[in-house]
Amino acid sequence: MQIVWDFLQHQILGMAWLDAAFGSLLSFLRVDTAGRFGASVQFFLYDTSKIFILLTLLIFVISYIQSYFPPERTKKILGRFRGLGANVASALLGTLTPFCSCSSIPLFIGFTNAGLPVGVTFSFLISSPLVDLGAFILLISVFGAKIAAAYVVVGLVLAVAGGTLIDRLGMERHVVRFSAPSDALNFEQPEMSRQERHTYAKEQTLGTVRRVWLYVIGGVAIGALIHNWIPVEWIQSVLGKHNPFSVLIATVVGIPMYADIFGTIPIAEALYAKGVGLGTILSFMMAVTALSLPSMIMLSKVVKARLLATFIGIVTLGILVIGYTFNMLGFLFM
């Protein structure tokens, strides 16, 4: 069983054969893959190809599944739950939406205008860009099943805890509603045919790839730079396990950036190879995807300053707790 799993992780998901193929191609072209330049080119070609292949296949499958959960059906599902159960359901449904943080905000507006509790909508808003099935598979291909599962679990816990806390604080009045709460999401759309679902999944896949391709290429380029050009000692001095501020630094650096989860994975892969702590890497990824500056600017248009500050504070604190905890317990995932 272990042999089968290793083959699945390294050859199917990790596409080690593709890395070897690019290495052979570059050697044939007389590019020294043992040198910095050649190794950077191989890293860039391999990681870019692997991510786009997996991204295309995974987003198509996820979008096909998502076609069964249009906004009005999602609202009805969430409406059946109360209290903590509603936050859990909202966070889980967020995993079915392969959106970046900015793309999740229109759904957030629709849910709040439809009368869903603000805490439930925030659980969705945190979970949607942070955790999805595509990211889970990609994380397995890079870090293995244990780390991928840990990322998903802590992401869901953060989404549920953050939404629940916002709900307990009674922040409903700090949401800027564009219309009065209504049943606008209650109407049923006609059931899609198999061909319509196929078309929908294809359109979503193309749209997602168009939206994230630049971030993926940028992330892989940064990863190649970190992997082959920046000395280990430099990385370790700033983000190493022995720096007590490494998690805080990674979180602060991540917030001004804007990238999809797929764009952060190559950077995380390079940092991991340089010996950066698992908690520091998770904090960076979560800060980029859940607290990016552009998405916070968009969110400020639909929530008042107090709620925005509360949301940022809760998520930031959660990320820091997760980061330092995983740095202490990282040996469990070796």
C-alpha atoms as a PDB file:
ATOM      1  CA  MET A   1       0.000   0.000   0.000  1.00  0.00           C
ATOM      2  CA  GLN A   2       2.846   2.410   0.835  1.00  0.00           C
ATOM      3  CA  ILE A   3       4.444   1.720  -2.549  1.00  0.00           C
ATOM      4  CA  VAL A   4       1.181   2.525  -4.322  1.00  0.00           C
ATOM      5  CA  TRP A   5       0.730   5.745  -2.312  1.00  0.00           C
ATOM      6  CA  ASP A   6       4.321   6.858  -2.977  1.00  0.00           C
ATOM      7  CA  PHE A   7       3.797   6.273  -6.704  1.00  0.00           C
ATOM      8  CA  LEU A   8       0.554   8.272  -6.619  1.00  0.00           C
ATOM      9  CA  GLN A   9       2.127  11.145  -4.690  1.00  0.00           C
ATOM     10  CA  HIS A  10       5.434  11.421  -6.530  1.00  0.00           C
ATOM     11  CA  GLN A  11       4.708  10.217 -10.060  1.00  0.00           C
ATOM     12  CA  ILE A  12       1.021  11.054 -10.572  1.00  0.00           C
ATOM     13  CA  LEU A  13       0.447  14.144  -8.423  1.00  0.00           C
ATOM     14  CA  GLY A  14       4.063  15.263  -8.045  1.00  0.00           C
ATOM     15  CA  MET A  15       4.855  14.430 -11.692  1.00  0.00           C
ATOM     16  CA  ALA A  16       8.467  13.499 -10.934  1.00  0.00           C
ATOM     17  CA  TRP A  17       8.618  12.048 -14.448  1.00  0.00           C
ATOM     18  CA  LEU A  18       7.980  15.536 -15.830  1.00  0.00           C
ATOM     19  CA  ASP A  19      10.864  16.959 -13.799  1.00  0.00           C
ATOM     20  CA  ALA A  20      13.147  14.230 -15.143  1.00  0.00           C
ATOM     21  CA  ALA A  21      11.926  14.890 -18.697  1.00  0.00           C
ATOM     22  CA  PHE A  22      12.755  18.589 -18.465  1.00  0.00           C
ATOM     23  CA  GLY A  23      16.139  17.720 -16.948  1.00  0.00           C
ATOM     24  CA  SER A  24      16.892  15.424 -19.896  1.00  0.00           C
ATOM     25  CA  LEU A  25      15.723  18.057 -22.385  1.00  0.00           C
ATOM     26  CA  LEU A  26      17.923  20.748 -20.860  1.00  0.00           C
ATOM     27  CA  SER A  27      20.898  18.387 -20.742  1.00  0.00           C
ATOM     28  CA  PHE A  28      20.328  17.604 -24.432  1.00  0.00           C
ATOM     29  CA  LEU A  29      20.383  21.361 -25.090  1.00  0.00           C
ATOM     30  CA  ARG A  30      23.669  21.498 -23.154  1.00  0.00           C
ATOM     31  CA  VAL A  31      22.213  23.487 -20.272  1.00  0.00           C
ATOM     32  CA  ASP A  32      23.978  22.660 -17.000  1.00  0.00           C
ATOM     33  CA  THR A  33      21.108  21.762 -14.644  1.00  0.00           C
ATOM     34  CA  ALA A  34      23.582  21.462 -11.770  1.00  0.00           C
ATOM     35  CA  GLY A  35      24.344  25.175 -12.016  1.00  0.00           C
ATOM     36  CA  ARG A  36      22.184  27.966 -10.666  1.00  0.00           C
ATOM     37  CA  PHE A  37      20.865  29.133 -14.019  1.00  0.00           C
ATOM     38  CA  GLY A  38      20.083  25.652 -15.327  1.00  0.00           C
ATOM     39  CA  ALA A  39      18.506  24.570 -12.052  1.00  0.00           C
ATOM     40  CA  SER A  40      16.337  27.709 -12.053  1.00  0.00           C
ATOM     41  CA  VAL A  41      15.185  27.050 -15.615  1.00  0.00           C
ATOM     42  CA  GLN A  42      14.346  23.426 -14.771  1.00  0.00           C
ATOM     43  CA  PHE A  43      12.474  24.474 -11.604  1.00  0.00           C
ATOM     44  CA  PHE A  44      10.503  27.076 -13.562  1.00  0.00           C
ATOM     45  CA  LEU A  45       9.565  24.766 -16.459  1.00  0.00           C
ATOM     46  CA  TYR A  46       8.668  21.850 -14.210  1.00  0.00           C
ATOM     47  CA  ASP A  47       6.664  23.718 -11.571  1.00  0.00           C
ATOM     48  CA  THR A  48       4.800  25.858 -14.116  1.00  0.00           C
ATOM     49  CA  SER A  49       3.833  22.847 -16.226  1.00  0.00           C
ATOM     50  CA  LYS A  50       2.855  20.733 -13.214  1.00  0.00           C
ATOM     51  CA  ILE A  51       0.693  23.426 -11.654  1.00  0.00           C
ATOM     52  CA  PHE A  52      -1.127  24.266 -14.889  1.00  0.00           C
ATOM     53  CA  ILE A  53      -1.789  20.607 -15.713  1.00  0.00           C
ATOM     54  CA  LEU A  54      -3.170  19.884 -12.239  1.00  0.00           C
ATOM     55  CA  LEU A  55      -4.943  23.237 -12.060  1.00  0.00           C
ATOM     56  CA  THR A  56      -6.819  22.667 -15.319  1.00  0.00           C
ATOM     57  CA  LEU A  57      -7.921  19.151 -14.430  1.00  0.00           C
ATOM     58  CA  LEU A  58      -8.835  19.953 -10.838  1.00  0.00           C
ATOM     59  CA  ILE A  59     -10.739  23.178 -11.523  1.00  0.00           C
ATOM     60  CA  PHE A  60     -12.781  21.413 -14.204  1.00  0.00           C
ATOM     61  CA  VAL A  61     -13.791  18.654 -11.774  1.00  0.00           C
ATOM     62  CA  ILE A  62     -14.429  21.097  -8.916  1.00  0.00           C
ATOM     63  CA  SER A  63     -16.479  23.397 -11.153  1.00  0.00           C
ATOM     64  CA  TYR A  64     -18.563  20.453 -12.342  1.00  0.00           C
ATOM     65  CA  ILE A  65     -19.286  19.632  -8.694  1.00  0.00           C
ATOM     66  CA  GLN A  66     -19.916  23.306  -7.963  1.00  0.00           C
ATOM     67  CA  SER A  67     -22.620  23.387 -10.658  1.00  0.00           C
ATOM     68  CA  TYR A  68     -24.788  21.468  -8.200  1.00  0.00           C
ATOM     69  CA  PHE A  69     -24.416  24.303  -5.647  1.00  0.00           C
ATOM     70  CA  PRO A  70     -25.577  27.591  -7.234  1.00  0.00           C
ATOM     71  CA  PRO A  71     -25.991  30.553  -4.824  1.00  0.00           C
ATOM     72  CA  GLU A  72     -29.693  29.982  -4.202  1.00  0.00           C
ATOM     73  CA  ARG A  73     -29.156  26.308  -3.365  1.00  0.00           C
ATOM     74  CA  THR A  74     -26.160  27.162  -1.180  1.00  0.00           C
ATOM     75  CA  LYS A  75     -28.272  29.699   0.692  1.00  0.00           C
ATOM     76  CA  LYS A  76     -31.002  27.100   1.260  1.00  0.00           C
ATOM     77  CA  ILE A  77     -28.482  24.564   2.524  1.00  0.00           C
ATOM     78  CA  LEU A  78     -26.967  27.064   4.933  1.00  0.00           C
ATOM     79  CA  GLY A  79     -30.430  28.155   6.051  1.00  0.00           C
ATOM     80  CA  ARG A  80     -31.089  24.675   7.448  1.00  0.00           C
ATOM     81  CA  PHE A  81     -28.333  25.020  10.025  1.00  0.00           C
ATOM     82  CA  ARG A  82     -28.132  27.093  13.186  1.00  0.00           C
ATOM     83  CA  GLY A  83     -25.313  28.218  15.441  1.00  0.00           C
ATOM     84  CA  LEU A  84     -21.950  26.483  15.127  1.00  0.00           C
ATOM     85  CA  GLY A  85     -23.369  23.992  12.622  1.00  0.00           C
ATOM     86  CA  ALA A  86     -24.123  26.846  10.206  1.00  0.00           C
ATOM     87  CA  ASN A  87     -20.528  28.093  10.414  1.00  0.00           C
ATOM     88  CA  VAL A  88     -19.173  24.595   9.805  1.00  0.00           C
ATOM     89  CA  ALA A  89     -21.481  24.096   6.814  1.00  0.00           C
ATOM     90  CA  SER A  90     -20.516  27.500   5.419  1.00  0.00           C
ATOM     91  CA  ALA A  91     -16.783  26.787   5.753  1.00  0.00           C
ATOM     92  CA  LEU A  92     -17.184  23.387   4.088  1.00  0.00           C
ATOM     93  CA  LEU A  93     -19.181  24.846   1.212  1.00  0.00           C
ATOM     94  CA  GLY A  94     -16.428  27.427   0.785  1.00  0.00           C
ATOM     95  CA  THR A  95     -14.070  24.587  -0.151  1.00  0.00           C
ATOM     96  CA  LEU A  96     -16.200  23.936  -3.251  1.00  0.00           C
ATOM     97  CA  THR A  97     -15.620  27.437  -4.612  1.00  0.00           C
ATOM     98  CA  PRO A  98     -12.186  27.822  -6.263  1.00  0.00           C
ATOM     99  CA  PHE A  99     -12.158  31.600  -5.853  1.00  0.00           C
ATOM    100  CA  CYS A 100      -9.544  34.075  -4.738  1.00  0.00           C
ATOM    101  CA  SER A 101     -10.492  36.415  -1.891  1.00  0.00           C
ATOM    102  CA  CYS A 102     -11.652  39.197  -4.242  1.00  0.00           C
ATOM    103  CA  SER A 103     -13.840  36.814  -6.241  1.00  0.00           C
ATOM    104  CA  SER A 104     -15.503  35.565  -3.046  1.00  0.00           C
ATOM    105  CA  ILE A 105     -16.720  39.020  -2.007  1.00  0.00           C
ATOM    106  CA  PRO A 106     -19.643  39.239  -4.506  1.00  0.00           C
ATOM    107  CA  LEU A 107     -21.007  35.980  -3.086  1.00  0.00           C
ATOM    108  CA  PHE A 108     -20.472  37.380   0.410  1.00  0.00           C
ATOM    109  CA  ILE A 109     -22.610  40.410  -0.563  1.00  0.00           C
ATOM    110  CA  GLY A 110     -25.309  38.164  -2.006  1.00  0.00           C
ATOM    111  CA  PHE A 111     -25.441  36.017   1.110  1.00  0.00           C
ATOM    112  CA  THR A 112     -25.677  38.974   3.486  1.00  0.00           C
ATOM    113  CA  ASN A 113     -28.370  40.631   1.371  1.00  0.00           C
ATOM    114  CA  ALA A 114     -30.274  37.345   1.377  1.00  0.00           C
ATOM    115  CA  GLY A 115     -30.418  37.495   5.172  1.00  0.00           C
ATOM    116  CA  LEU A 116     -27.783  34.941   6.176  1.00  0.00           C
ATOM    117  CA  PRO A 117     -26.130  35.691   9.554  1.00  0.00           C
ATOM    118  CA  VAL A 118     -22.978  37.751   9.198  1.00  0.00           C
ATOM    119  CA  GLY A 119     -20.873  35.184  11.064  1.00  0.00           C
ATOM    120  CA  VAL A 120     -21.920  32.459   8.624  1.00  0.00           C
ATOM    121  CA  THR A 121     -21.021  34.593   5.612  1.00  0.00           C
ATOM    122  CA  PHE A 122     -17.619  35.396   7.110  1.00  0.00           C
ATOM    123  CA  SER A 123     -16.909  31.686   7.613  1.00  0.00           C
ATOM    124  CA  PHE A 124     -17.519  31.304   3.892  1.00  0.00           C
ATOM    125  CA  LEU A 125     -15.408  34.366   3.076  1.00  0.00           C
ATOM    126  CA  ILE A 126     -12.434  33.004   5.024  1.00  0.00           C
ATOM    127  CA  SER A 127     -12.728  29.436   3.783  1.00  0.00           C
ATOM    128  CA  SER A 128     -13.349  30.068   0.085  1.00  0.00           C
ATOM    129  CA  PRO A 129      -9.934  31.517  -0.899  1.00  0.00           C
ATOM    130  CA  LEU A 130      -8.032  29.697   1.837  1.00  0.00           C
ATOM    131  CA  VAL A 131      -9.068  26.079   1.354  1.00  0.00           C
ATOM    132  CA  ASP A 132     -10.309  24.262  -1.720  1.00  0.00           C
ATOM    133  CA  LEU A 133     -10.026  20.794  -3.183  1.00  0.00           C
ATOM    134  CA  GLY A 134      -7.641  21.909  -5.921  1.00  0.00           C
ATOM    135  CA  ALA A 135      -5.232  23.456  -3.436  1.00  0.00           C
ATOM    136  CA  PHE A 136      -5.409  20.289  -1.335  1.00  0.00           C
ATOM    137  CA  ILE A 137      -4.319  18.100  -4.253  1.00  0.00           C
ATOM    138  CA  LEU A 138      -1.536  20.515  -5.229  1.00  0.00           C
ATOM    139  CA  LEU A 139      -0.312  20.647  -1.638  1.00  0.00           C
ATOM    140  CA  ILE A 140      -0.153  16.840  -1.576  1.00  0.00           C
ATOM    141  CA  SER A 141       1.953  16.915  -4.749  1.00  0.00           C
ATOM    142  CA  VAL A 142       4.448  19.290  -3.104  1.00  0.00           C
ATOM    143  CA  PHE A 143       4.421  18.612   0.642  1.00  0.00           C
ATOM    144  CA  GLY A 144       2.728  15.248   1.061  1.00  0.00           C
ATOM    145  CA  ALA A 145      -0.612  14.188   2.507  1.00  0.00           C
ATOM    146  CA  LYS A 146       0.095  15.020   6.176  1.00  0.00           C
ATOM    147  CA  ILE A 147       0.951  18.667   5.576  1.00  0.00           C
ATOM    148  CA  ALA A 148      -1.833  19.094   2.996  1.00  0.00           C
ATOM    149  CA  ALA A 149      -4.409  17.669   5.408  1.00  0.00           C
ATOM    150  CA  ALA A 150      -3.065  19.826   8.245  1.00  0.00           C
ATOM    151  CA  TYR A 151      -3.395  22.960   6.103  1.00  0.00           C
ATOM    152  CA  VAL A 152      -7.006  22.123   5.215  1.00  0.00           C
ATOM    153  CA  VAL A 153      -7.935  21.360   8.825  1.00  0.00           C
ATOM    154  CA  VAL A 154      -6.426  24.532  10.296  1.00  0.00           C
ATOM    155  CA  GLY A 155      -7.934  26.585   7.454  1.00  0.00           C
ATOM    156  CA  LEU A 156     -11.399  25.240   8.215  1.00  0.00           C
ATOM    157  CA  VAL A 157     -10.905  25.725  11.959  1.00  0.00           C
ATOM    158  CA  LEU A 158      -9.876  29.346  11.347  1.00  0.00           C
ATOM    159  CA  ALA A 159     -12.936  29.901   9.129  1.00  0.00           C
ATOM    160  CA  VAL A 160     -15.353  28.394  11.650  1.00  0.00           C
ATOM    161  CA  ALA A 161     -13.762  30.092  14.677  1.00  0.00           C
ATOM    162  CA  GLY A 162     -13.525  33.471  12.935  1.00  0.00           C
ATOM    163  CA  GLY A 163     -17.119  33.429  11.735  1.00  0.00           C
ATOM    164  CA  THR A 164     -18.418  32.205  15.096  1.00  0.00           C
ATOM    165  CA  LEU A 165     -16.563  34.924  17.007  1.00  0.00           C
ATOM    166  CA  ILE A 166     -17.816  37.657  14.657  1.00  0.00           C
ATOM    167  CA  ASP A 167     -21.354  36.343  15.142  1.00  0.00           C
ATOM    168  CA  ARG A 168     -20.989  36.330  18.948  1.00  0.00           C
ATOM    169  CA  LEU A 169     -19.760  39.926  18.868  1.00  0.00           C
ATOM    170  CA  GLY A 170     -23.037  41.010  17.254  1.00  0.00           C
ATOM    171  CA  MET A 171     -21.535  42.717  14.197  1.00  0.00           C
ATOM    172  CA  GLU A 172     -24.635  42.541  11.959  1.00  0.00           C
ATOM    173  CA  ARG A 173     -25.181  46.301  12.066  1.00  0.00           C
ATOM    174  CA  HIS A 174     -21.726  46.942  10.640  1.00  0.00           C
ATOM    175  CA  VAL A 175     -22.521  45.348   7.269  1.00  0.00           C
ATOM    176  CA  VAL A 176     -23.310  47.832   4.486  1.00  0.00           C
ATOM    177  CA  ARG A 177     -26.333  46.344   2.745  1.00  0.00           C
ATOM    178  CA  PHE A 178     -26.917  47.256  -0.871  1.00  0.00           C
ATOM    179  CA  SER A 179     -30.552  46.259  -0.501  1.00  0.00           C
ATOM    180  CA  ALA A 180     -32.849  45.109   2.255  1.00  0.00           C
ATOM    181  CA  PRO A 181     -32.576  41.433   3.230  1.00  0.00           C
ATOM    182  CA  SER A 182     -34.683  39.502   0.778  1.00  0.00           C
ATOM    183  CA  ASP A 183     -35.394  36.110  -0.674  1.00  0.00           C
ATOM    184  CA  ALA A 184     -33.457  36.993  -3.822  1.00  0.00           C
ATOM    185  CA  LEU A 185     -31.443  33.793  -3.584  1.00  0.00           C
ATOM    186  CA  ASN A 186     -34.427  31.599  -2.827  1.00  0.00           C
ATOM    187  CA  PHE A 187     -35.674  31.041  -6.360  1.00  0.00           C
ATOM    188  CA  GLU A 188     -34.710  27.779  -8.003  1.00  0.00           C
ATOM    189  CA  GLN A 189     -32.843  27.896 -11.280  1.00  0.00           C
ATOM    190  CA  PRO A 190     -33.665  25.203 -13.840  1.00  0.00           C
ATOM    191  CA  GLU A 191     -31.659  22.028 -13.286  1.00  0.00           C
ATOM    192  CA  MET A 192     -28.619  21.876 -15.560  1.00  0.00           C
ATOM    193  CA  SER A 193     -28.249  19.083 -18.078  1.00  0.00           C
ATOM    194  CA  ARG A 194     -25.026  17.085 -18.247  1.00  0.00           C
ATOM    195  CA  GLN A 195     -23.925  19.082 -21.302  1.00  0.00           C
ATOM    196  CA  GLU A 196     -24.674  22.377 -19.547  1.00  0.00           C
ATOM    197  CA  ARG A 197     -22.632  21.277 -16.536  1.00  0.00           C
ATOM    198  CA  HIS A 198     -19.789  20.328 -18.865  1.00  0.00           C
ATOM    199  CA  THR A 199     -19.975  23.746 -20.543  1.00  0.00           C
ATOM    200  CA  TYR A 200     -20.145  25.506 -17.168  1.00  0.00           C
ATOM    201  CA  ALA A 201     -17.099  23.596 -15.883  1.00  0.00           C
ATOM    202  CA  LYS A 202     -15.172  24.402 -19.069  1.00  0.00           C
ATOM    203  CA  GLU A 203     -15.989  28.118 -18.801  1.00  0.00           C
ATOM    204  CA  GLN A 204     -15.059  28.207 -15.104  1.00  0.00           C
ATOM    205  CA  THR A 205     -11.773  26.436 -15.831  1.00  0.00           C
ATOM    206  CA  LEU A 206     -10.832  28.849 -18.606  1.00  0.00           C
ATOM    207  CA  GLY A 207     -11.876  31.820 -16.479  1.00  0.00           C
ATOM    208  CA  THR A 208      -9.868  30.625 -13.490  1.00  0.00           C
ATOM    209  CA  VAL A 209      -6.748  29.936 -15.560  1.00  0.00           C
ATOM    210  CA  ARG A 210      -7.005  33.387 -17.174  1.00  0.00           C
ATOM    211  CA  ARG A 211      -7.323  34.953 -13.741  1.00  0.00           C
ATOM    212  CA  VAL A 212      -4.456  33.145 -12.013  1.00  0.00           C
ATOM    213  CA  TRP A 213      -1.896  32.375 -14.745  1.00  0.00           C
ATOM    214  CA  LEU A 214       0.114  35.516 -14.105  1.00  0.00           C
ATOM    215  CA  TYR A 215       0.225  34.833 -10.345  1.00  0.00           C
ATOM    216  CA  VAL A 216       1.306  31.236 -10.942  1.00  0.00           C
ATOM    217  CA  ILE A 217       4.138  32.296 -13.242  1.00  0.00           C
ATOM    218  CA  GLY A 218       5.163  35.036 -10.809  1.00  0.00           C
ATOM    219  CA  GLY A 219       5.047  32.621  -7.881  1.00  0.00           C
ATOM    220  CA  VAL A 220       7.143  30.018  -9.712  1.00  0.00           C
ATOM    221  CA  ALA A 221       9.671  32.690 -10.744  1.00  0.00           C
ATOM    222  CA  ILE A 222      10.008  33.851  -7.128  1.00  0.00           C
ATOM    223  CA  GLY A 223      10.261  30.225  -6.030  1.00  0.00           C
ATOM    224  CA  ALA A 224      13.049  29.564  -8.547  1.00  0.00           C
ATOM    225  CA  LEU A 225      14.881  32.660  -7.301  1.00  0.00           C
ATOM    226  CA  ILE A 226      14.597  31.563  -3.664  1.00  0.00           C
ATOM    227  CA  HIS A 227      15.446  27.958  -4.493  1.00  0.00           C
ATOM    228  CA  ASN A 228      18.621  28.583  -6.459  1.00  0.00           C
ATOM    229  CA  TRP A 229      19.918  32.111  -5.889  1.00  0.00           C
ATOM    230  CA  ILE A 230      19.252  33.206  -2.303  1.00  0.00           C
ATOM    231  CA  PRO A 231      21.685  31.603   0.185  1.00  0.00           C
ATOM    232  CA  VAL A 232      20.219  29.340   2.846  1.00  0.00           C
ATOM    233  CA  GLU A 233      21.853  31.455   5.551  1.00  0.00           C
ATOM    234  CA  TRP A 234      19.904  34.544   4.488  1.00  0.00           C
ATOM    235  CA  ILE A 235      16.586  32.733   4.497  1.00  0.00           C
ATOM    236  CA  GLN A 236      17.328  31.084   7.823  1.00  0.00           C
ATOM    237  CA  SER A 237      18.307  34.368   9.474  1.00  0.00           C
ATOM    238  CA  VAL A 238      14.970  35.976   8.594  1.00  0.00           C
ATOM    239  CA  LEU A 239      12.474  33.096   8.437  1.00  0.00           C
ATOM    240  CA  GLY A 240      14.358  30.281  10.134  1.00  0.00           C
ATOM    241  CA  LYS A 241      12.988  28.279  13.024  1.00  0.00           C
ATOM    242  CA  HIS A 242      15.349  29.989  15.462  1.00  0.00           C
ATOM    243  CA  ASN A 243      13.983  33.463  14.736  1.00  0.00           C
ATOM    244  CA  PRO A 244      11.091  34.031  17.183  1.00  0.00           C
ATOM    245  CA  PHE A 245       9.622  36.656  14.848  1.00  0.00           C
ATOM    246  CA  SER A 246       9.628  34.487  11.713  1.00  0.00           C
ATOM    247  CA  VAL A 247       5.870  33.800  11.778  1.00  0.00           C
ATOM    248  CA  LEU A 248       5.066  37.470  12.384  1.00  0.00           C
ATOM    249  CA  ILE A 249       7.392  38.551   9.562  1.00  0.00           C
ATOM    250  CA  ALA A 250       5.886  36.016   7.131  1.00  0.00           C
ATOM    251  CA  THR A 251       2.364  37.174   8.006  1.00  0.00           C
ATOM    252  CA  VAL A 252       3.161  40.873   7.644  1.00  0.00           C
ATOM    253  CA  VAL A 253       4.993  40.288   4.343  1.00  0.00           C
ATOM    254  CA  GLY A 254       2.105  38.223   3.007  1.00  0.00           C
ATOM    255  CA  ILE A 255      -0.685  40.736   3.649  1.00  0.00           C
ATOM    256  CA  PRO A 256       0.294  43.396   1.039  1.00  0.00           C
ATOM    257  CA  MET A 257       0.683  40.703  -1.626  1.00  0.00           C
ATOM    258  CA  TYR A 258      -2.147  39.545  -3.855  1.00  0.00           C
ATOM    259  CA  ALA A 259      -2.101  36.028  -5.254  1.00  0.00           C
ATOM    260  CA  ASP A 260      -4.278  32.997  -5.567  1.00  0.00           C
ATOM    261  CA  ILE A 261      -3.414  29.989  -3.405  1.00  0.00           C
ATOM    262  CA  PHE A 262      -1.966  28.416  -6.556  1.00  0.00           C
ATOM    263  CA  GLY A 263       0.521  31.286  -6.876  1.00  0.00           C
ATOM    264  CA  THR A 264       1.764  30.908  -3.296  1.00  0.00           C
ATOM    265  CA  ILE A 265       2.475  27.176  -3.452  1.00  0.00           C
ATOM    266  CA  PRO A 266       5.707  27.451  -5.536  1.00  0.00           C
ATOM    267  CA  ILE A 267       7.046  30.079  -3.120  1.00  0.00           C
ATOM    268  CA  ALA A 268       6.121  27.874  -0.178  1.00  0.00           C
ATOM    269  CA  GLU A 269       7.832  24.914  -1.862  1.00  0.00           C
ATOM    270  CA  ALA A 270      11.071  26.872  -2.243  1.00  0.00           C
ATOM    271  CA  LEU A 271      10.970  28.145   1.344  1.00  0.00           C
ATOM    272  CA  TYR A 272      10.348  24.607   2.623  1.00  0.00           C
ATOM    273  CA  ALA A 273      13.383  23.359   0.687  1.00  0.00           C
ATOM    274  CA  LYS A 274      15.474  26.065   2.397  1.00  0.00           C
ATOM    275  CA  GLY A 275      14.488  24.768   5.839  1.00  0.00           C
ATOM    276  CA  VAL A 276      11.883  27.392   6.759  1.00  0.00           C
ATOM    277  CA  GLY A 277       9.525  26.192   9.485  1.00  0.00           C
ATOM    278  CA  LEU A 278       6.185  24.698   8.465  1.00  0.00           C
ATOM    279  CA  GLY A 279       4.251  27.165  10.616  1.00  0.00           C
ATOM    280  CA  THR A 280       6.034  30.125   9.021  1.00  0.00           C
ATOM    281  CA  ILE A 281       5.167  28.833   5.552  1.00  0.00           C
ATOM    282  CA  LEU A 282       1.508  28.233   6.442  1.00  0.00           C
ATOM    283  CA  SER A 283       1.275  31.728   7.932  1.00  0.00           C
ATOM    284  CA  PHE A 284       2.638  33.264   4.748  1.00  0.00           C
ATOM    285  CA  MET A 285       0.223  31.324   2.534  1.00  0.00           C
ATOM    286  CA  MET A 286      -2.775  32.169   4.717  1.00  0.00           C
ATOM    287  CA  ALA A 287      -1.914  35.859   4.940  1.00  0.00           C
ATOM    288  CA  VAL A 288      -1.568  36.162   1.154  1.00  0.00           C
ATOM    289  CA  THR A 289      -4.813  34.361   0.379  1.00  0.00           C
ATOM    290  CA  ALA A 290      -7.083  35.497   3.232  1.00  0.00           C
ATOM    291  CA  LEU A 291      -5.810  39.002   4.034  1.00  0.00           C
ATOM    292  CA  SER A 292      -4.424  40.380   0.775  1.00  0.00           C
ATOM    293  CA  LEU A 293      -4.534  44.173   0.611  1.00  0.00           C
ATOM    294  CA  PRO A 294      -6.686  44.382  -2.570  1.00  0.00           C
ATOM    295  CA  SER A 295      -9.354  42.126  -1.082  1.00  0.00           C
ATOM    296  CA  MET A 296      -9.381  44.150   2.160  1.00  0.00           C
ATOM    297  CA  ILE A 297      -9.908  47.320   0.112  1.00  0.00           C
ATOM    298  CA  MET A 298     -12.855  45.659  -1.659  1.00  0.00           C
ATOM    299  CA  LEU A 299     -14.248  44.399   1.639  1.00  0.00           C
ATOM    300  CA  SER A 300     -14.070  47.906   3.119  1.00  0.00           C
ATOM    301  CA  LYS A 301     -16.742  48.944   0.604  1.00  0.00           C
ATOM    302  CA  VAL A 302     -19.270  46.464   1.995  1.00  0.00           C
ATOM    303  CA  VAL A 303     -18.513  46.440   5.736  1.00  0.00           C
ATOM    304  CA  LYS A 304     -17.903  49.284   8.159  1.00  0.00           C
ATOM    305  CA  ALA A 305     -14.495  50.040   9.617  1.00  0.00           C
ATOM    306  CA  ARG A 306     -15.160  48.375  12.971  1.00  0.00           C
ATOM    307  CA  LEU A 307     -16.189  45.063  11.404  1.00  0.00           C
ATOM    308  CA  LEU A 308     -13.296  45.185   8.939  1.00  0.00           C
ATOM    309  CA  ALA A 309     -10.816  45.795  11.757  1.00  0.00           C
ATOM    310  CA  THR A 310     -12.386  42.975  13.792  1.00  0.00           C
ATOM    311  CA  PHE A 311     -12.164  40.590  10.841  1.00  0.00           C
ATOM    312  CA  ILE A 312      -8.517  41.468  10.144  1.00  0.00           C
ATOM    313  CA  GLY A 313      -7.639  41.191  13.832  1.00  0.00           C
ATOM    314  CA  ILE A 314      -9.303  37.804  14.304  1.00  0.00           C
ATOM    315  CA  VAL A 315      -7.810  36.270  11.155  1.00  0.00           C
ATOM    316  CA  THR A 316      -4.342  37.703  11.851  1.00  0.00           C
ATOM    317  CA  LEU A 317      -4.382  36.381  15.419  1.00  0.00           C
ATOM    318  CA  GLY A 318      -5.563  32.998  14.158  1.00  0.00           C
ATOM    319  CA  ILE A 319      -2.782  32.866  11.563  1.00  0.00           C
ATOM    320  CA  LEU A 320      -0.143  33.720  14.178  1.00  0.00           C
ATOM    321  CA  VAL A 321      -1.433  31.061  16.579  1.00  0.00           C
ATOM    322  CA  ILE A 322      -1.459  28.473  13.783  1.00  0.00           C
ATOM    323  CA  GLY A 323       2.035  29.473  12.656  1.00  0.00           C
ATOM    324  CA  TYR A 324       3.712  29.297  16.049  1.00  0.00           C
ATOM    325  CA  THR A 325       1.882  26.071  16.943  1.00  0.00           C
ATOM    326  CA  PHE A 326       3.021  24.340  13.771  1.00  0.00           C
ATOM    327  CA  ASN A 327       6.581  25.557  14.205  1.00  0.00           C
ATOM    328  CA  MET A 328       6.610  23.906  17.628  1.00  0.00           C
ATOM    329  CA  LEU A 329       4.937  20.711  16.436  1.00  0.00           C
ATOM    330  CA  GLY A 330       6.486  20.551  12.971  1.00  0.00           C
ATOM    331  CA  PHE A 331       8.370  17.361  13.823  1.00  0.00           C
ATOM    332  CA  LEU A 332       5.026  15.515  13.698  1.00  0.00           C
ATOM    333  CA  PHE A 333       4.831  16.133   9.940  1.00  0.00           C
ATOM    334  CA  MET A 334       8.356  15.079   8.993  1.00  0.00           C
END
